[in-house]
Amino acid sequence: MSDSIILVVEDDAIVRMLIVDVLEELAFTVLEADGSDSALRIIEDQGQAIDLMMTDVGLPGMDGMALATRAREIRPRLPVLFASGYAENIEVPQGMHVIGKPFSIDQLRDKVKSILVP
């Protein structure tokens, strides 16, 4: 599992850095995107493996839901984890997951493992 590659999409640089640090400590390889445009460039690169996309719901421009829809058109089996301060109000499509902000390191680890290790 430690070979898993996670794409983190978060427009807030500090929040993104914290998430990346936690995931790297958990031995994941992490790709970073500061928004939908940069995330789509990574997703469209078929030479780049991605095992999970973790995205903020509230991104500027194309929001996380629209990004996930577009990502699934390109990579139909890509698991998606939404991070949101309003997790209880989000309906996620089948095969997608949500974690409420703020979340602990343990919550993030457990959620990611539950997605990547069925």
PDB file of N, CA and C in Angstrom:
ATOM      1  N   MET A   1       0.817  -1.204   0.000  1.00  0.00           N
ATOM      2  CA  MET A   1       0.000   0.000   0.000  1.00  0.00           C
ATOM      3  C   MET A   1       0.849   1.251   0.000  1.00  0.00           C
ATOM      4  N   SER A   2       2.035   1.180   0.590  1.00  0.00           N
ATOM      5  CA  SER A   2       2.862   2.378   0.676  1.00  0.00           C
ATOM      6  C   SER A   2       3.318   2.854  -0.699  1.00  0.00           C
ATOM      7  N   ASP A   3       3.085   2.021  -1.741  1.00  0.00           N
ATOM      8  CA  ASP A   3       3.426   2.448  -3.092  1.00  0.00           C
ATOM      9  C   ASP A   3       2.304   3.274  -3.705  1.00  0.00           C
ATOM     10  N   SER A   4       1.210   3.463  -2.988  1.00  0.00           N
ATOM     11  CA  SER A   4       0.060   4.172  -3.535  1.00  0.00           C
ATOM     12  C   SER A   4       0.380   5.638  -3.779  1.00  0.00           C
ATOM     13  N   ILE A   5      -0.188   6.150  -4.875  1.00  0.00           N
ATOM     14  CA  ILE A   5       0.033   7.541  -5.264  1.00  0.00           C
ATOM     15  C   ILE A   5      -1.279   8.294  -5.096  1.00  0.00           C
ATOM     16  N   ILE A   6      -1.222   9.375  -4.327  1.00  0.00           N
ATOM     17  CA  ILE A   6      -2.420  10.162  -4.038  1.00  0.00           C
ATOM     18  C   ILE A   6      -2.250  11.564  -4.604  1.00  0.00           C
ATOM     19  N   LEU A   7      -3.240  11.998  -5.373  1.00  0.00           N
ATOM     20  CA  LEU A   7      -3.278  13.361  -5.883  1.00  0.00           C
ATOM     21  C   LEU A   7      -4.102  14.203  -4.915  1.00  0.00           C
ATOM     22  N   VAL A   8      -3.480  15.215  -4.327  1.00  0.00           N
ATOM     23  CA  VAL A   8      -4.154  16.104  -3.382  1.00  0.00           C
ATOM     24  C   VAL A   8      -4.461  17.423  -4.096  1.00  0.00           C
ATOM     25  N   VAL A   9      -5.755  17.769  -4.147  1.00  0.00           N
ATOM     26  CA  VAL A   9      -6.185  19.004  -4.802  1.00  0.00           C
ATOM     27  C   VAL A   9      -6.771  19.914  -3.731  1.00  0.00           C
ATOM     28  N   GLU A  10      -6.089  21.008  -3.440  1.00  0.00           N
ATOM     29  CA  GLU A  10      -6.490  21.923  -2.369  1.00  0.00           C
ATOM     30  C   GLU A  10      -5.943  23.296  -2.703  1.00  0.00           C
ATOM     31  N   ASP A  11      -6.823  24.295  -2.771  1.00  0.00           N
ATOM     32  CA  ASP A  11      -6.370  25.629  -3.158  1.00  0.00           C
ATOM     33  C   ASP A  11      -5.696  26.389  -2.016  1.00  0.00           C
ATOM     34  N   ASP A  12      -5.952  26.004  -0.782  1.00  0.00           N
ATOM     35  CA  ASP A  12      -5.317  26.652   0.369  1.00  0.00           C
ATOM     36  C   ASP A  12      -3.944  26.010   0.585  1.00  0.00           C
ATOM     37  N   ALA A  13      -2.880  26.776   0.334  1.00  0.00           N
ATOM     38  CA  ALA A  13      -1.517  26.232   0.355  1.00  0.00           C
ATOM     39  C   ALA A  13      -1.157  25.620   1.708  1.00  0.00           C
ATOM     40  N   ILE A  14      -1.590  26.229   2.800  1.00  0.00           N
ATOM     41  CA  ILE A  14      -1.246  25.721   4.131  1.00  0.00           C
ATOM     42  C   ILE A  14      -1.958  24.398   4.396  1.00  0.00           C
ATOM     43  N   VAL A  15      -3.240  24.353   4.087  1.00  0.00           N
ATOM     44  CA  VAL A  15      -4.004  23.115   4.271  1.00  0.00           C
ATOM     45  C   VAL A  15      -3.423  22.008   3.393  1.00  0.00           C
ATOM     46  N   ARG A  16      -3.112  22.353   2.140  1.00  0.00           N
ATOM     47  CA  ARG A  16      -2.535  21.364   1.223  1.00  0.00           C
ATOM     48  C   ARG A  16      -1.214  20.825   1.780  1.00  0.00           C
ATOM     49  N   MET A  17      -0.376  21.714   2.283  1.00  0.00           N
ATOM     50  CA  MET A  17       0.916  21.305   2.839  1.00  0.00           C
ATOM     51  C   MET A  17       0.724  20.346   4.016  1.00  0.00           C
ATOM     52  N   LEU A  18      -0.235  20.645   4.879  1.00  0.00           N
ATOM     53  CA  LEU A  18      -0.488  19.781   6.036  1.00  0.00           C
ATOM     54  C   LEU A  18      -0.957  18.396   5.600  1.00  0.00           C
ATOM     55  N   ILE A  19      -1.883  18.350   4.644  1.00  0.00           N
ATOM     56  CA  ILE A  19      -2.388  17.067   4.152  1.00  0.00           C
ATOM     57  C   ILE A  19      -1.259  16.273   3.504  1.00  0.00           C
ATOM     58  N   VAL A  20      -0.468  16.949   2.674  1.00  0.00           N
ATOM     59  CA  VAL A  20       0.654  16.284   2.002  1.00  0.00           C
ATOM     60  C   VAL A  20       1.640  15.735   3.025  1.00  0.00           C
ATOM     61  N   ASP A  21       1.964  16.536   4.038  1.00  0.00           N
ATOM     62  CA  ASP A  21       2.902  16.084   5.075  1.00  0.00           C
ATOM     63  C   ASP A  21       2.397  14.821   5.764  1.00  0.00           C
ATOM     64  N   VAL A  22       1.111  14.812   6.115  1.00  0.00           N
ATOM     65  CA  VAL A  22       0.527  13.654   6.796  1.00  0.00           C
ATOM     66  C   VAL A  22       0.590  12.422   5.895  1.00  0.00           C
ATOM     67  N   LEU A  23       0.186  12.580   4.647  1.00  0.00           N
ATOM     68  CA  LEU A  23       0.169  11.437   3.731  1.00  0.00           C
ATOM     69  C   LEU A  23       1.580  10.917   3.464  1.00  0.00           C
ATOM     70  N   GLU A  24       2.536  11.833   3.348  1.00  0.00           N
ATOM     71  CA  GLU A  24       3.921  11.401   3.136  1.00  0.00           C
ATOM     72  C   GLU A  24       4.454  10.672   4.365  1.00  0.00           C
ATOM     73  N   GLU A  25       4.073  11.134   5.560  1.00  0.00           N
ATOM     74  CA  GLU A  25       4.469  10.435   6.789  1.00  0.00           C
ATOM     75  C   GLU A  25       3.894   9.023   6.825  1.00  0.00           C
ATOM     76  N   LEU A  26       2.745   8.842   6.188  1.00  0.00           N
ATOM     77  CA  LEU A  26       2.103   7.530   6.130  1.00  0.00           C
ATOM     78  C   LEU A  26       2.656   6.695   4.964  1.00  0.00           C
ATOM     79  N   ALA A  27       3.725   7.202   4.336  1.00  0.00           N
ATOM     80  CA  ALA A  27       4.468   6.497   3.283  1.00  0.00           C
ATOM     81  C   ALA A  27       3.747   6.450   1.935  1.00  0.00           C
ATOM     82  N   PHE A  28       2.878   7.418   1.687  1.00  0.00           N
ATOM     83  CA  PHE A  28       2.268   7.527   0.366  1.00  0.00           C
ATOM     84  C   PHE A  28       3.117   8.458  -0.489  1.00  0.00           C
ATOM     85  N   THR A  29       3.068   8.250  -1.787  1.00  0.00           N
ATOM     86  CA  THR A  29       3.631   9.207  -2.731  1.00  0.00           C
ATOM     87  C   THR A  29       2.519  10.208  -3.014  1.00  0.00           C
ATOM     88  N   VAL A  30       2.840  11.501  -2.946  1.00  0.00           N
ATOM     89  CA  VAL A  30       1.798  12.522  -3.079  1.00  0.00           C
ATOM     90  C   VAL A  30       2.102  13.461  -4.238  1.00  0.00           C
ATOM     91  N   LEU A  31       1.095  13.669  -5.063  1.00  0.00           N
ATOM     92  CA  LEU A  31       1.133  14.674  -6.113  1.00  0.00           C
ATOM     93  C   LEU A  31       0.264  15.825  -5.632  1.00  0.00           C
ATOM     94  N   GLU A  32       0.682  17.059  -5.928  1.00  0.00           N
ATOM     95  CA  GLU A  32      -0.064  18.221  -5.447  1.00  0.00           C
ATOM     96  C   GLU A  32      -0.619  19.045  -6.596  1.00  0.00           C
ATOM     97  N   ALA A  33      -1.844  19.548  -6.385  1.00  0.00           N
ATOM     98  CA  ALA A  33      -2.447  20.478  -7.331  1.00  0.00           C
ATOM     99  C   ALA A  33      -3.144  21.570  -6.522  1.00  0.00           C
ATOM    100  N   ASP A  34      -2.993  22.816  -6.979  1.00  0.00           N
ATOM    101  CA  ASP A  34      -3.592  23.935  -6.243  1.00  0.00           C
ATOM    102  C   ASP A  34      -4.978  24.298  -6.764  1.00  0.00           C
ATOM    103  N   GLY A  35      -5.481  23.503  -7.693  1.00  0.00           N
ATOM    104  CA  GLY A  35      -6.812  23.757  -8.223  1.00  0.00           C
ATOM    105  C   GLY A  35      -7.145  22.764  -9.319  1.00  0.00           C
ATOM    106  N   SER A  36      -8.325  22.919  -9.901  1.00  0.00           N
ATOM    107  CA  SER A  36      -8.816  21.961 -10.889  1.00  0.00           C
ATOM    108  C   SER A  36      -7.962  21.917 -12.150  1.00  0.00           C
ATOM    109  N   ASP A  37      -7.505  23.088 -12.618  1.00  0.00           N
ATOM    110  CA  ASP A  37      -6.725  23.112 -13.861  1.00  0.00           C
ATOM    111  C   ASP A  37      -5.445  22.300 -13.723  1.00  0.00           C
ATOM    112  N   SER A  38      -4.710  22.538 -12.645  1.00  0.00           N
ATOM    113  CA  SER A  38      -3.452  21.801 -12.464  1.00  0.00           C
ATOM    114  C   SER A  38      -3.734  20.327 -12.176  1.00  0.00           C
ATOM    115  N   ALA A  39      -4.836  20.036 -11.486  1.00  0.00           N
ATOM    116  CA  ALA A  39      -5.196  18.638 -11.226  1.00  0.00           C
ATOM    117  C   ALA A  39      -5.504  17.912 -12.535  1.00  0.00           C
ATOM    118  N   LEU A  40      -6.244  18.564 -13.423  1.00  0.00           N
ATOM    119  CA  LEU A  40      -6.613  17.920 -14.688  1.00  0.00           C
ATOM    120  C   LEU A  40      -5.390  17.655 -15.555  1.00  0.00           C
ATOM    121  N   ARG A  41      -4.396  18.541 -15.500  1.00  0.00           N
ATOM    122  CA  ARG A  41      -3.164  18.293 -16.259  1.00  0.00           C
ATOM    123  C   ARG A  41      -2.502  16.993 -15.779  1.00  0.00           C
ATOM    124  N   ILE A  42      -2.507  16.771 -14.480  1.00  0.00           N
ATOM    125  CA  ILE A  42      -1.911  15.537 -13.929  1.00  0.00           C
ATOM    126  C   ILE A  42      -2.775  14.334 -14.303  1.00  0.00           C
ATOM    127  N   ILE A  43      -4.088  14.468 -14.168  1.00  0.00           N
ATOM    128  CA  ILE A  43      -5.009  13.364 -14.462  1.00  0.00           C
ATOM    129  C   ILE A  43      -4.950  12.972 -15.935  1.00  0.00           C
ATOM    130  N   GLU A  44      -4.794  13.953 -16.812  1.00  0.00           N
ATOM    131  CA  GLU A  44      -4.769  13.682 -18.251  1.00  0.00           C
ATOM    132  C   GLU A  44      -3.470  13.023 -18.697  1.00  0.00           C
ATOM    133  N   ASP A  45      -2.428  13.072 -17.866  1.00  0.00           N
ATOM    134  CA  ASP A  45      -1.147  12.442 -18.184  1.00  0.00           C
ATOM    135  C   ASP A  45      -1.269  10.937 -17.923  1.00  0.00           C
ATOM    136  N   GLN A  46      -1.542  10.185 -18.983  1.00  0.00           N
ATOM    137  CA  GLN A  46      -1.778   8.749 -18.820  1.00  0.00           C
ATOM    138  C   GLN A  46      -0.534   7.999 -18.349  1.00  0.00           C
ATOM    139  N   GLY A  47       0.628   8.614 -18.433  1.00  0.00           N
ATOM    140  CA  GLY A  47       1.840   7.996 -17.931  1.00  0.00           C
ATOM    141  C   GLY A  47       1.992   8.120 -16.427  1.00  0.00           C
ATOM    142  N   GLN A  48       1.142   8.937 -15.813  1.00  0.00           N
ATOM    143  CA  GLN A  48       1.208   9.171 -14.369  1.00  0.00           C
ATOM    144  C   GLN A  48       0.176   8.306 -13.657  1.00  0.00           C
ATOM    145  N   ALA A  49       0.653   7.394 -12.815  1.00  0.00           N
ATOM    146  CA  ALA A  49      -0.268   6.573 -12.028  1.00  0.00           C
ATOM    147  C   ALA A  49      -0.880   7.412 -10.911  1.00  0.00           C
ATOM    148  N   ILE A  50      -2.166   7.203 -10.650  1.00  0.00           N
ATOM    149  CA  ILE A  50      -2.857   7.841  -9.528  1.00  0.00           C
ATOM    150  C   ILE A  50      -3.781   6.785  -8.927  1.00  0.00           C
ATOM    151  N   ASP A  51      -3.625   6.526  -7.636  1.00  0.00           N
ATOM    152  CA  ASP A  51      -4.456   5.527  -6.974  1.00  0.00           C
ATOM    153  C   ASP A  51      -5.652   6.135  -6.258  1.00  0.00           C
ATOM    154  N   LEU A  52      -5.567   7.441  -5.964  1.00  0.00           N
ATOM    155  CA  LEU A  52      -6.643   8.125  -5.254  1.00  0.00           C
ATOM    156  C   LEU A  52      -6.506   9.618  -5.488  1.00  0.00           C
ATOM    157  N   MET A  53      -7.642  10.278  -5.734  1.00  0.00           N
ATOM    158  CA  MET A  53      -7.637  11.738  -5.773  1.00  0.00           C
ATOM    159  C   MET A  53      -8.377  12.234  -4.539  1.00  0.00           C
ATOM    160  N   MET A  54      -7.703  13.043  -3.751  1.00  0.00           N
ATOM    161  CA  MET A  54      -8.332  13.686  -2.598  1.00  0.00           C
ATOM    162  C   MET A  54      -8.495  15.157  -2.945  1.00  0.00           C
ATOM    163  N   THR A  55      -9.723  15.626  -2.951  1.00  0.00           N
ATOM    164  CA  THR A  55      -9.967  17.002  -3.360  1.00  0.00           C
ATOM    165  C   THR A  55     -10.872  17.748  -2.387  1.00  0.00           C
ATOM    166  N   ASP A  56     -10.575  19.020  -2.237  1.00  0.00           N
ATOM    167  CA  ASP A  56     -11.461  19.906  -1.506  1.00  0.00           C
ATOM    168  C   ASP A  56     -12.717  20.078  -2.359  1.00  0.00           C
ATOM    169  N   VAL A  57     -13.855  20.209  -1.728  1.00  0.00           N
ATOM    170  CA  VAL A  57     -15.087  20.432  -2.488  1.00  0.00           C
ATOM    171  C   VAL A  57     -15.132  21.875  -2.976  1.00  0.00           C
ATOM    172  N   GLY A  58     -14.751  22.811  -2.107  1.00  0.00           N
ATOM    173  CA  GLY A  58     -14.867  24.230  -2.418  1.00  0.00           C
ATOM    174  C   GLY A  58     -13.663  24.816  -3.114  1.00  0.00           C
ATOM    175  N   LEU A  59     -13.416  24.379  -4.346  1.00  0.00           N
ATOM    176  CA  LEU A  59     -12.321  24.942  -5.131  1.00  0.00           C
ATOM    177  C   LEU A  59     -12.832  26.125  -5.936  1.00  0.00           C
ATOM    178  N   PRO A  60     -11.984  27.116  -6.188  1.00  0.00           N
ATOM    179  CA  PRO A  60     -12.398  28.225  -7.062  1.00  0.00           C
ATOM    180  C   PRO A  60     -12.520  27.726  -8.502  1.00  0.00           C
ATOM    181  N   GLY A  61     -13.383  28.350  -9.271  1.00  0.00           N
ATOM    182  CA  GLY A  61     -13.582  27.901 -10.651  1.00  0.00           C
ATOM    183  C   GLY A  61     -14.361  26.603 -10.658  1.00  0.00           C
ATOM    184  N   MET A  62     -13.770  25.566 -11.234  1.00  0.00           N
ATOM    185  CA  MET A  62     -14.403  24.240 -11.244  1.00  0.00           C
ATOM    186  C   MET A  62     -14.305  23.657  -9.841  1.00  0.00           C
ATOM    187  N   ASP A  63     -15.454  23.398  -9.201  1.00  0.00           N
ATOM    188  CA  ASP A  63     -15.410  22.886  -7.824  1.00  0.00           C
ATOM    189  C   ASP A  63     -15.025  21.409  -7.811  1.00  0.00           C
ATOM    190  N   GLY A  64     -14.841  20.885  -6.602  1.00  0.00           N
ATOM    191  CA  GLY A  64     -14.375  19.514  -6.446  1.00  0.00           C
ATOM    192  C   GLY A  64     -15.299  18.478  -7.055  1.00  0.00           C
ATOM    193  N   MET A  65     -16.599  18.706  -6.985  1.00  0.00           N
ATOM    194  CA  MET A  65     -17.561  17.756  -7.565  1.00  0.00           C
ATOM    195  C   MET A  65     -17.414  17.704  -9.085  1.00  0.00           C
ATOM    196  N   ALA A  66     -17.324  18.879  -9.713  1.00  0.00           N
ATOM    197  CA  ALA A  66     -17.156  18.930 -11.168  1.00  0.00           C
ATOM    198  C   ALA A  66     -15.812  18.328 -11.570  1.00  0.00           C
ATOM    199  N   LEU A  67     -14.776  18.603 -10.775  1.00  0.00           N
ATOM    200  CA  LEU A  67     -13.462  18.024 -11.038  1.00  0.00           C
ATOM    201  C   LEU A  67     -13.530  16.498 -10.972  1.00  0.00           C
ATOM    202  N   ALA A  68     -14.214  15.967  -9.962  1.00  0.00           N
ATOM    203  CA  ALA A  68     -14.330  14.513  -9.813  1.00  0.00           C
ATOM    204  C   ALA A  68     -15.064  13.907 -11.007  1.00  0.00           C
ATOM    205  N   THR A  69     -16.109  14.562 -11.450  1.00  0.00           N
ATOM    206  CA  THR A  69     -16.861  14.083 -12.615  1.00  0.00           C
ATOM    207  C   THR A  69     -15.962  14.036 -13.839  1.00  0.00           C
ATOM    208  N   ARG A  70     -15.208  15.103 -14.053  1.00  0.00           N
ATOM    209  CA  ARG A  70     -14.286  15.179 -15.200  1.00  0.00           C
ATOM    210  C   ARG A  70     -13.176  14.130 -15.060  1.00  0.00           C
ATOM    211  N   ALA A  71     -12.651  13.966 -13.844  1.00  0.00           N
ATOM    212  CA  ALA A  71     -11.577  12.994 -13.607  1.00  0.00           C
ATOM    213  C   ALA A  71     -12.059  11.585 -13.928  1.00  0.00           C
ATOM    214  N   ARG A  72     -13.305  11.286 -13.570  1.00  0.00           N
ATOM    215  CA  ARG A  72     -13.869   9.962 -13.817  1.00  0.00           C
ATOM    216  C   ARG A  72     -14.124   9.722 -15.310  1.00  0.00           C
ATOM    217  N   GLU A  73     -14.324  10.797 -16.074  1.00  0.00           N
ATOM    218  CA  GLU A  73     -14.450  10.629 -17.527  1.00  0.00           C
ATOM    219  C   GLU A  73     -13.110  10.193 -18.109  1.00  0.00           C
ATOM    220  N   ILE A  74     -12.027  10.700 -17.535  1.00  0.00           N
ATOM    221  CA  ILE A  74     -10.681  10.388 -18.019  1.00  0.00           C
ATOM    222  C   ILE A  74     -10.185   9.059 -17.442  1.00  0.00           C
ATOM    223  N   ARG A  75     -10.433   8.864 -16.143  1.00  0.00           N
ATOM    224  CA  ARG A  75      -9.997   7.644 -15.433  1.00  0.00           C
ATOM    225  C   ARG A  75     -11.210   7.069 -14.700  1.00  0.00           C
ATOM    226  N   PRO A  76     -11.986   6.236 -15.379  1.00  0.00           N
ATOM    227  CA  PRO A  76     -13.281   5.775 -14.845  1.00  0.00           C
ATOM    228  C   PRO A  76     -13.223   5.082 -13.482  1.00  0.00           C
ATOM    229  N   ARG A  77     -12.099   4.450 -13.145  1.00  0.00           N
ATOM    230  CA  ARG A  77     -12.037   3.719 -11.878  1.00  0.00           C
ATOM    231  C   ARG A  77     -11.299   4.483 -10.786  1.00  0.00           C
ATOM    232  N   LEU A  78     -10.996   5.739 -11.005  1.00  0.00           N
ATOM    233  CA  LEU A  78     -10.235   6.509 -10.014  1.00  0.00           C
ATOM    234  C   LEU A  78     -11.068   6.753  -8.752  1.00  0.00           C
ATOM    235  N   PRO A  79     -10.604   6.256  -7.601  1.00  0.00           N
ATOM    236  CA  PRO A  79     -11.308   6.567  -6.355  1.00  0.00           C
ATOM    237  C   PRO A  79     -11.139   8.058  -6.015  1.00  0.00           C
ATOM    238  N   VAL A  80     -12.190   8.633  -5.462  1.00  0.00           N
ATOM    239  CA  VAL A  80     -12.169  10.059  -5.106  1.00  0.00           C
ATOM    240  C   VAL A  80     -12.569  10.209  -3.646  1.00  0.00           C
ATOM    241  N   LEU A  81     -11.792  11.018  -2.930  1.00  0.00           N
ATOM    242  CA  LEU A  81     -12.094  11.362  -1.539  1.00  0.00           C
ATOM    243  C   LEU A  81     -12.282  12.866  -1.458  1.00  0.00           C
ATOM    244  N   PHE A  82     -13.491  13.283  -1.099  1.00  0.00           N
ATOM    245  CA  PHE A  82     -13.770  14.708  -0.918  1.00  0.00           C
ATOM    246  C   PHE A  82     -13.478  15.101   0.522  1.00  0.00           C
ATOM    247  N   ALA A  83     -12.855  16.254   0.691  1.00  0.00           N
ATOM    248  CA  ALA A  83     -12.659  16.821   2.024  1.00  0.00           C
ATOM    249  C   ALA A  83     -13.532  18.072   2.100  1.00  0.00           C
ATOM    250  N   SER A  84     -14.338  18.144   3.156  1.00  0.00           N
ATOM    251  CA  SER A  84     -15.248  19.285   3.256  1.00  0.00           C
ATOM    252  C   SER A  84     -15.585  19.597   4.699  1.00  0.00           C
ATOM    253  N   GLY A  85     -15.717  20.873   4.975  1.00  0.00           N
ATOM    254  CA  GLY A  85     -16.189  21.304   6.280  1.00  0.00           C
ATOM    255  C   GLY A  85     -17.680  21.077   6.443  1.00  0.00           C
ATOM    256  N   TYR A  86     -18.323  20.690   5.352  1.00  0.00           N
ATOM    257  CA  TYR A  86     -19.774  20.461   5.360  1.00  0.00           C
ATOM    258  C   TYR A  86     -20.080  19.033   4.934  1.00  0.00           C
ATOM    259  N   ALA A  87     -19.282  18.089   5.417  1.00  0.00           N
ATOM    260  CA  ALA A  87     -19.372  16.698   4.950  1.00  0.00           C
ATOM    261  C   ALA A  87     -20.762  16.103   5.103  1.00  0.00           C
ATOM    262  N   GLU A  88     -21.450  16.477   6.181  1.00  0.00           N
ATOM    263  CA  GLU A  88     -22.763  15.868   6.419  1.00  0.00           C
ATOM    264  C   GLU A  88     -23.797  16.322   5.400  1.00  0.00           C
ATOM    265  N   ASN A  89     -23.508  17.396   4.670  1.00  0.00           N
ATOM    266  CA  ASN A  89     -24.463  17.924   3.693  1.00  0.00           C
ATOM    267  C   ASN A  89     -24.136  17.514   2.257  1.00  0.00           C
ATOM    268  N   ILE A  90     -23.126  16.679   2.099  1.00  0.00           N
ATOM    269  CA  ILE A  90     -22.675  16.333   0.756  1.00  0.00           C
ATOM    270  C   ILE A  90     -23.193  14.957   0.366  1.00  0.00           C
ATOM    271  N   GLU A  91     -23.782  14.896  -0.824  1.00  0.00           N
ATOM    272  CA  GLU A  91     -24.132  13.605  -1.390  1.00  0.00           C
ATOM    273  C   GLU A  91     -23.062  13.275  -2.408  1.00  0.00           C
ATOM    274  N   VAL A  92     -22.354  12.186  -2.166  1.00  0.00           N
ATOM    275  CA  VAL A  92     -21.275  11.831  -3.081  1.00  0.00           C
ATOM    276  C   VAL A  92     -21.721  10.711  -4.004  1.00  0.00           C
ATOM    277  N   PRO A  93     -21.288  10.783  -5.257  1.00  0.00           N
ATOM    278  CA  PRO A  93     -21.631   9.722  -6.204  1.00  0.00           C
ATOM    279  C   PRO A  93     -21.062   8.386  -5.758  1.00  0.00           C
ATOM    280  N   GLN A  94     -21.619   7.323  -6.294  1.00  0.00           N
ATOM    281  CA  GLN A  94     -21.164   5.980  -5.958  1.00  0.00           C
ATOM    282  C   GLN A  94     -19.677   5.846  -6.274  1.00  0.00           C
ATOM    283  N   GLY A  95     -18.961   5.166  -5.387  1.00  0.00           N
ATOM    284  CA  GLY A  95     -17.539   4.963  -5.588  1.00  0.00           C
ATOM    285  C   GLY A  95     -16.691   6.136  -5.134  1.00  0.00           C
ATOM    286  N   MET A  96     -17.340   7.143  -4.569  1.00  0.00           N
ATOM    287  CA  MET A  96     -16.621   8.296  -4.049  1.00  0.00           C
ATOM    288  C   MET A  96     -16.864   8.379  -2.545  1.00  0.00           C
ATOM    289  N   HIS A  97     -15.982   9.064  -1.853  1.00  0.00           N
ATOM    290  CA  HIS A  97     -15.999   9.087  -0.390  1.00  0.00           C
ATOM    291  C   HIS A  97     -15.849  10.523   0.093  1.00  0.00           C
ATOM    292  N   VAL A  98     -16.167  10.728   1.386  1.00  0.00           N
ATOM    293  CA  VAL A  98     -16.038  12.070   1.945  1.00  0.00           C
ATOM    294  C   VAL A  98     -15.448  11.975   3.344  1.00  0.00           C
ATOM    295  N   ILE A  99     -14.631  12.963   3.686  1.00  0.00           N
ATOM    296  CA  ILE A  99     -14.107  13.095   5.041  1.00  0.00           C
ATOM    297  C   ILE A  99     -14.358  14.539   5.478  1.00  0.00           C
ATOM    298  N   GLY A 100     -14.835  14.690   6.694  1.00  0.00           N
ATOM    299  CA  GLY A 100     -15.162  16.025   7.194  1.00  0.00           C
ATOM    300  C   GLY A 100     -13.929  16.765   7.695  1.00  0.00           C
ATOM    301  N   LYS A 101     -13.860  18.049   7.370  1.00  0.00           N
ATOM    302  CA  LYS A 101     -12.804  18.918   7.903  1.00  0.00           C
ATOM    303  C   LYS A 101     -13.348  19.567   9.169  1.00  0.00           C
ATOM    304  N   PRO A 102     -12.547  19.768  10.186  1.00  0.00           N
ATOM    305  CA  PRO A 102     -11.167  19.285  10.279  1.00  0.00           C
ATOM    306  C   PRO A 102     -11.146  17.800  10.601  1.00  0.00           C
ATOM    307  N   PHE A 103     -10.104  17.115  10.156  1.00  0.00           N
ATOM    308  CA  PHE A 103      -9.949  15.699  10.451  1.00  0.00           C
ATOM    309  C   PHE A 103      -8.591  15.471  11.098  1.00  0.00           C
ATOM    310  N   SER A 104      -8.519  14.413  11.887  1.00  0.00           N
ATOM    311  CA  SER A 104      -7.259  14.083  12.556  1.00  0.00           C
ATOM    312  C   SER A 104      -6.383  13.253  11.618  1.00  0.00           C
ATOM    313  N   ILE A 105      -5.126  13.136  11.965  1.00  0.00           N
ATOM    314  CA  ILE A 105      -4.211  12.292  11.210  1.00  0.00           C
ATOM    315  C   ILE A 105      -4.743  10.868  11.164  1.00  0.00           C
ATOM    316  N   ASP A 106      -5.226  10.373  12.299  1.00  0.00           N
ATOM    317  CA  ASP A 106      -5.750   9.008  12.357  1.00  0.00           C
ATOM    318  C   ASP A 106      -6.978   8.842  11.462  1.00  0.00           C
ATOM    319  N   GLN A 107      -7.858   9.833  11.475  1.00  0.00           N
ATOM    320  CA  GLN A 107      -9.053   9.751  10.625  1.00  0.00           C
ATOM    321  C   GLN A 107      -8.665   9.712   9.149  1.00  0.00           C
ATOM    322  N   LEU A 108      -7.701  10.556   8.776  1.00  0.00           N
ATOM    323  CA  LEU A 108      -7.266  10.597   7.383  1.00  0.00           C
ATOM    324  C   LEU A 108      -6.614   9.262   6.998  1.00  0.00           C
ATOM    325  N   ARG A 109      -5.741   8.751   7.844  1.00  0.00           N
ATOM    326  CA  ARG A 109      -5.077   7.477   7.576  1.00  0.00           C
ATOM    327  C   ARG A 109      -6.111   6.359   7.401  1.00  0.00           C
ATOM    328  N   ASP A 110      -7.056   6.276   8.344  1.00  0.00           N
ATOM    329  CA  ASP A 110      -8.051   5.208   8.305  1.00  0.00           C
ATOM    330  C   ASP A 110      -8.935   5.313   7.062  1.00  0.00           C
ATOM    331  N   LYS A 111      -9.319   6.531   6.709  1.00  0.00           N
ATOM    332  CA  LYS A 111     -10.186   6.734   5.538  1.00  0.00           C
ATOM    333  C   LYS A 111      -9.444   6.348   4.267  1.00  0.00           C
ATOM    334  N   VAL A 112      -8.209   6.806   4.121  1.00  0.00           N
ATOM    335  CA  VAL A 112      -7.426   6.499   2.922  1.00  0.00           C
ATOM    336  C   VAL A 112      -7.185   4.989   2.824  1.00  0.00           C
ATOM    337  N   LYS A 113      -6.825   4.370   3.930  1.00  0.00           N
ATOM    338  CA  LYS A 113      -6.600   2.918   3.908  1.00  0.00           C
ATOM    339  C   LYS A 113      -7.873   2.165   3.550  1.00  0.00           C
ATOM    340  N   SER A 114      -9.019   2.626   4.046  1.00  0.00           N
ATOM    341  CA  SER A 114     -10.272   1.930   3.762  1.00  0.00           C
ATOM    342  C   SER A 114     -10.623   2.010   2.267  1.00  0.00           C
ATOM    343  N   ILE A 115     -10.175   3.079   1.614  1.00  0.00           N
ATOM    344  CA  ILE A 115     -10.443   3.237   0.186  1.00  0.00           C
ATOM    345  C   ILE A 115      -9.455   2.416  -0.640  1.00  0.00           C
ATOM    346  N   LEU A 116      -8.181   2.466  -0.258  1.00  0.00           N
ATOM    347  CA  LEU A 116      -7.141   1.834  -1.070  1.00  0.00           C
ATOM    348  C   LEU A 116      -6.994   0.335  -0.805  1.00  0.00           C
ATOM    349  N   VAL A 117      -7.438  -0.122   0.364  1.00  0.00           N
ATOM    350  CA  VAL A 117      -7.332  -1.542   0.700  1.00  0.00           C
ATOM    351  C   VAL A 117      -8.739  -2.076   0.990  1.00  0.00           C
ATOM    352  N   PRO A 118      -9.449  -2.449  -0.072  1.00  0.00           N
ATOM    353  CA  PRO A 118     -10.838  -2.890   0.107  1.00  0.00           C
ATOM    354  C   PRO A 118     -10.940  -4.183   0.911  1.00  0.00           C
TER     355      PRO A 118
END
